[in-house]
Amino acid sequence: MDRFDRAILRELAAEARISVTELARRVGLSKSPVQARLKKLEETGVIQGYRALLDPIRLGLAHVAFVEVRMIDTREATLAKFNAAIARIPEIEQAHLIAGNFDYLLKVRTADMPSYRQVLAEKVSVLPGVASTSTFVAMEAIKDEAVTDVT
């Protein structure tokens, strides 16, 4: 990746709906090389897709809980079953395998506490391999941004 690729990524991270013509103007290349670079960045997986950023608060999804999950065991088969199961739960916004005192950290977004309790009881706690969970409720998001720095 050179400086032009990075410039393209910076512009797209800030404004993904920009036209190729305008993108080319901003990065200082003609349209054809920018299109070729975009295609290469998409094919190599640097650009994974294009999405609209939705405001969860305006969508009625203001409740955020972080859930520590401890597993019964951490054998690969158990983790694989758990990973496949969490992928099917839309309320789980993020899931990370952790090196530490617990095994997974989940970010769960729901409308309110009763909705969260239902997700925890009916979806998270019954996942394959779960030994225990511990919940931390976020009071306010101070910083919540997508990756935009490609220096």
C-alpha atoms as a PDB file:
ATOM      1  CA  MET A   1       0.000   0.000   0.000  1.00  0.00           C
ATOM      2  CA  ASP A   2       1.345   3.374  -0.954  1.00  0.00           C
ATOM      3  CA  ARG A   3       0.317   6.922  -0.094  1.00  0.00           C
ATOM      4  CA  PHE A   4      -2.422   6.940  -2.749  1.00  0.00           C
ATOM      5  CA  ASP A   5      -4.022   3.777  -1.356  1.00  0.00           C
ATOM      6  CA  ARG A   6      -3.926   5.282   2.123  1.00  0.00           C
ATOM      7  CA  ALA A   7      -5.440   8.529   0.847  1.00  0.00           C
ATOM      8  CA  ILE A   8      -8.221   6.571  -0.864  1.00  0.00           C
ATOM      9  CA  LEU A   9      -8.923   4.667   2.353  1.00  0.00           C
ATOM     10  CA  ARG A  10      -8.957   7.864   4.432  1.00  0.00           C
ATOM     11  CA  GLU A  11     -11.462   9.488   2.082  1.00  0.00           C
ATOM     12  CA  LEU A  12     -13.700   6.403   1.969  1.00  0.00           C
ATOM     13  CA  ALA A  13     -13.608   6.005   5.757  1.00  0.00           C
ATOM     14  CA  ALA A  14     -14.868   9.573   6.075  1.00  0.00           C
ATOM     15  CA  GLU A  15     -17.363   9.435   3.198  1.00  0.00           C
ATOM     16  CA  ALA A  16     -18.033   6.034   1.636  1.00  0.00           C
ATOM     17  CA  ARG A  17     -20.676   7.348  -0.782  1.00  0.00           C
ATOM     18  CA  ILE A  18     -18.219   9.632  -2.561  1.00  0.00           C
ATOM     19  CA  SER A  19     -18.170   9.275  -6.346  1.00  0.00           C
ATOM     20  CA  VAL A  20     -15.085   7.777  -7.962  1.00  0.00           C
ATOM     21  CA  THR A  21     -14.622  11.042  -9.883  1.00  0.00           C
ATOM     22  CA  GLU A  22     -14.599  13.091  -6.665  1.00  0.00           C
ATOM     23  CA  LEU A  23     -12.407  10.515  -4.921  1.00  0.00           C
ATOM     24  CA  ALA A  24      -9.904  10.737  -7.765  1.00  0.00           C
ATOM     25  CA  ARG A  25      -9.882  14.534  -7.531  1.00  0.00           C
ATOM     26  CA  ARG A  26      -9.272  14.453  -3.774  1.00  0.00           C
ATOM     27  CA  VAL A  27      -6.389  11.976  -3.923  1.00  0.00           C
ATOM     28  CA  GLY A  28      -4.736  13.526  -6.993  1.00  0.00           C
ATOM     29  CA  LEU A  29      -5.162  10.702  -9.508  1.00  0.00           C
ATOM     30  CA  SER A  30      -7.341  10.198 -12.560  1.00  0.00           C
ATOM     31  CA  LYS A  31     -10.503   8.100 -12.407  1.00  0.00           C
ATOM     32  CA  SER A  32      -9.130   4.899 -14.014  1.00  0.00           C
ATOM     33  CA  PRO A  33      -6.210   4.369 -11.597  1.00  0.00           C
ATOM     34  CA  VAL A  34      -8.514   5.050  -8.630  1.00  0.00           C
ATOM     35  CA  GLN A  35     -10.995   2.456  -9.898  1.00  0.00           C
ATOM     36  CA  ALA A  36      -8.169  -0.079 -10.312  1.00  0.00           C
ATOM     37  CA  ARG A  37      -6.860   0.646  -6.822  1.00  0.00           C
ATOM     38  CA  LEU A  38     -10.355   0.349  -5.342  1.00  0.00           C
ATOM     39  CA  LYS A  39     -10.834  -3.023  -7.031  1.00  0.00           C
ATOM     40  CA  LYS A  40      -7.500  -4.265  -5.676  1.00  0.00           C
ATOM     41  CA  LEU A  41      -8.256  -3.003  -2.146  1.00  0.00           C
ATOM     42  CA  GLU A  42     -11.617  -4.814  -2.278  1.00  0.00           C
ATOM     43  CA  GLU A  43     -10.179  -8.049  -3.730  1.00  0.00           C
ATOM     44  CA  THR A  44      -7.403  -8.217  -1.125  1.00  0.00           C
ATOM     45  CA  GLY A  45      -9.898  -7.639   1.694  1.00  0.00           C
ATOM     46  CA  VAL A  46      -8.504  -4.306   2.865  1.00  0.00           C
ATOM     47  CA  ILE A  47     -11.939  -2.893   2.037  1.00  0.00           C
ATOM     48  CA  GLN A  48     -14.386  -5.412   3.464  1.00  0.00           C
ATOM     49  CA  GLY A  49     -17.555  -3.636   2.379  1.00  0.00           C
ATOM     50  CA  TYR A  50     -19.544  -0.435   2.525  1.00  0.00           C
ATOM     51  CA  ARG A  51     -22.144   0.235   5.206  1.00  0.00           C
ATOM     52  CA  ALA A  52     -24.467   2.890   6.510  1.00  0.00           C
ATOM     53  CA  LEU A  53     -23.697   3.957  10.087  1.00  0.00           C
ATOM     54  CA  LEU A  54     -26.918   3.687  12.061  1.00  0.00           C
ATOM     55  CA  ASP A  55     -27.652   5.549  15.285  1.00  0.00           C
ATOM     56  CA  PRO A  56     -28.586   2.826  17.799  1.00  0.00           C
ATOM     57  CA  ILE A  57     -30.113   5.351  20.213  1.00  0.00           C
ATOM     58  CA  ARG A  58     -32.534   6.636  17.563  1.00  0.00           C
ATOM     59  CA  LEU A  59     -33.340   3.019  16.725  1.00  0.00           C
ATOM     60  CA  GLY A  60     -34.379   2.389  20.327  1.00  0.00           C
ATOM     61  CA  LEU A  61     -31.294   0.339  21.228  1.00  0.00           C
ATOM     62  CA  ALA A  62     -29.783   2.451  23.983  1.00  0.00           C
ATOM     63  CA  HIS A  63     -28.887  -0.294  26.473  1.00  0.00           C
ATOM     64  CA  VAL A  64     -25.324  -1.599  26.193  1.00  0.00           C
ATOM     65  CA  ALA A  65     -23.955  -4.364  28.371  1.00  0.00           C
ATOM     66  CA  PHE A  66     -20.509  -5.925  28.308  1.00  0.00           C
ATOM     67  CA  VAL A  67     -20.592  -9.562  29.303  1.00  0.00           C
ATOM     68  CA  GLU A  68     -17.644 -11.569  30.544  1.00  0.00           C
ATOM     69  CA  VAL A  69     -18.103 -15.209  29.649  1.00  0.00           C
ATOM     70  CA  ARG A  70     -16.238 -18.026  31.339  1.00  0.00           C
ATOM     71  CA  MET A  71     -16.238 -21.311  29.470  1.00  0.00           C
ATOM     72  CA  ILE A  72     -16.443 -24.838  30.867  1.00  0.00           C
ATOM     73  CA  ASP A  73     -13.299 -25.593  28.876  1.00  0.00           C
ATOM     74  CA  THR A  74     -11.311 -23.944  26.115  1.00  0.00           C
ATOM     75  CA  ARG A  75     -10.793 -26.870  23.790  1.00  0.00           C
ATOM     76  CA  GLU A  76     -11.059 -25.927  20.133  1.00  0.00           C
ATOM     77  CA  ALA A  77     -14.295 -27.866  19.579  1.00  0.00           C
ATOM     78  CA  THR A  78     -16.025 -26.053  22.459  1.00  0.00           C
ATOM     79  CA  LEU A  79     -14.850 -22.641  21.253  1.00  0.00           C
ATOM     80  CA  ALA A  80     -15.929 -23.413  17.686  1.00  0.00           C
ATOM     81  CA  LYS A  81     -19.456 -24.323  18.813  1.00  0.00           C
ATOM     82  CA  PHE A  82     -19.672 -21.177  20.942  1.00  0.00           C
ATOM     83  CA  ASN A  83     -18.371 -18.985  18.088  1.00  0.00           C
ATOM     84  CA  ALA A  84     -20.906 -20.404  15.639  1.00  0.00           C
ATOM     85  CA  ALA A  85     -23.743 -19.896  18.118  1.00  0.00           C
ATOM     86  CA  ILE A  86     -22.944 -16.272  18.984  1.00  0.00           C
ATOM     87  CA  ALA A  87     -22.783 -15.381  15.294  1.00  0.00           C
ATOM     88  CA  ARG A  88     -26.537 -16.100  15.136  1.00  0.00           C
ATOM     89  CA  ILE A  89     -27.522 -13.741  17.979  1.00  0.00           C
ATOM     90  CA  PRO A  90     -28.250 -10.284  16.552  1.00  0.00           C
ATOM     91  CA  GLU A  91     -28.090  -8.543  19.945  1.00  0.00           C
ATOM     92  CA  ILE A  92     -24.408  -9.465  20.264  1.00  0.00           C
ATOM     93  CA  GLU A  93     -22.727  -6.541  18.545  1.00  0.00           C
ATOM     94  CA  GLN A  94     -19.148  -7.650  19.229  1.00  0.00           C
ATOM     95  CA  ALA A  95     -17.463 -10.753  20.592  1.00  0.00           C
ATOM     96  CA  HIS A  96     -13.808 -11.126  21.507  1.00  0.00           C
ATOM     97  CA  LEU A  97     -11.816 -14.124  22.702  1.00  0.00           C
ATOM     98  CA  ILE A  98      -9.795 -12.815  25.647  1.00  0.00           C
ATOM     99  CA  ALA A  99      -6.487 -13.780  27.233  1.00  0.00           C
ATOM    100  CA  GLY A 100      -7.146 -13.238  30.926  1.00  0.00           C
ATOM    101  CA  ASN A 101      -9.380 -14.249  33.846  1.00  0.00           C
ATOM    102  CA  PHE A 102     -12.342 -14.972  31.572  1.00  0.00           C
ATOM    103  CA  ASP A 103     -12.665 -16.314  28.048  1.00  0.00           C
ATOM    104  CA  TYR A 104     -14.922 -14.004  26.022  1.00  0.00           C
ATOM    105  CA  LEU A 105     -16.037 -10.396  26.179  1.00  0.00           C
ATOM    106  CA  LEU A 106     -19.354  -9.703  24.468  1.00  0.00           C
ATOM    107  CA  LYS A 107     -20.931  -6.349  23.679  1.00  0.00           C
ATOM    108  CA  VAL A 108     -24.695  -6.788  23.815  1.00  0.00           C
ATOM    109  CA  ARG A 109     -27.074  -4.054  22.642  1.00  0.00           C
ATOM    110  CA  THR A 110     -30.779  -4.073  23.506  1.00  0.00           C
ATOM    111  CA  ALA A 111     -33.616  -1.621  24.090  1.00  0.00           C
ATOM    112  CA  ASP A 112     -33.579  -1.761  27.890  1.00  0.00           C
ATOM    113  CA  MET A 113     -32.716  -3.831  30.953  1.00  0.00           C
ATOM    114  CA  PRO A 114     -35.710  -6.207  30.679  1.00  0.00           C
ATOM    115  CA  SER A 115     -34.759  -6.932  27.061  1.00  0.00           C
ATOM    116  CA  TYR A 116     -31.159  -7.518  28.091  1.00  0.00           C
ATOM    117  CA  ARG A 117     -32.169  -9.890  30.891  1.00  0.00           C
ATOM    118  CA  GLN A 118     -34.194 -11.899  28.375  1.00  0.00           C
ATOM    119  CA  VAL A 119     -31.257 -12.092  25.938  1.00  0.00           C
ATOM    120  CA  LEU A 120     -28.934 -13.131  28.756  1.00  0.00           C
ATOM    121  CA  ALA A 121     -31.293 -15.808  30.087  1.00  0.00           C
ATOM    122  CA  GLU A 122     -32.592 -17.216  26.803  1.00  0.00           C
ATOM    123  CA  LYS A 123     -29.666 -16.754  24.433  1.00  0.00           C
ATOM    124  CA  VAL A 124     -26.296 -16.090  26.098  1.00  0.00           C
ATOM    125  CA  SER A 125     -26.406 -18.252  29.218  1.00  0.00           C
ATOM    126  CA  VAL A 126     -27.546 -21.301  27.251  1.00  0.00           C
ATOM    127  CA  LEU A 127     -24.776 -21.102  24.654  1.00  0.00           C
ATOM    128  CA  PRO A 128     -22.591 -24.205  24.239  1.00  0.00           C
ATOM    129  CA  GLY A 129     -19.791 -24.393  26.804  1.00  0.00           C
ATOM    130  CA  VAL A 130     -20.810 -21.432  28.996  1.00  0.00           C
ATOM    131  CA  ALA A 131     -19.910 -21.928  32.652  1.00  0.00           C
ATOM    132  CA  SER A 132     -20.777 -18.436  33.933  1.00  0.00           C
ATOM    133  CA  THR A 133     -21.307 -14.826  32.907  1.00  0.00           C
ATOM    134  CA  SER A 134     -20.765 -11.455  34.520  1.00  0.00           C
ATOM    135  CA  THR A 135     -22.432  -8.282  33.231  1.00  0.00           C
ATOM    136  CA  PHE A 136     -21.232  -4.685  33.199  1.00  0.00           C
ATOM    137  CA  VAL A 137     -23.769  -2.090  32.037  1.00  0.00           C
ATOM    138  CA  ALA A 138     -22.443   0.938  30.161  1.00  0.00           C
ATOM    139  CA  MET A 139     -23.824   4.234  31.442  1.00  0.00           C
ATOM    140  CA  GLU A 140     -22.603   6.308  28.497  1.00  0.00           C
ATOM    141  CA  ALA A 141     -20.464   5.843  25.382  1.00  0.00           C
ATOM    142  CA  ILE A 142     -17.593   8.315  25.562  1.00  0.00           C
ATOM    143  CA  LYS A 143     -15.890   7.190  22.342  1.00  0.00           C
ATOM    144  CA  ASP A 144     -17.322   4.729  19.840  1.00  0.00           C
ATOM    145  CA  GLU A 145     -15.832   5.111  16.390  1.00  0.00           C
ATOM    146  CA  ALA A 146     -15.002   3.029  13.358  1.00  0.00           C
ATOM    147  CA  VAL A 147     -11.409   2.710  12.095  1.00  0.00           C
ATOM    148  CA  THR A 148     -10.544   5.764  10.018  1.00  0.00           C
ATOM    149  CA  ASP A 149      -6.813   6.265  10.665  1.00  0.00           C
ATOM    150  CA  VAL A 150      -4.756   4.654   7.912  1.00  0.00           C
ATOM    151  CA  THR A 151      -1.442   6.426   8.384  1.00  0.00           C
END
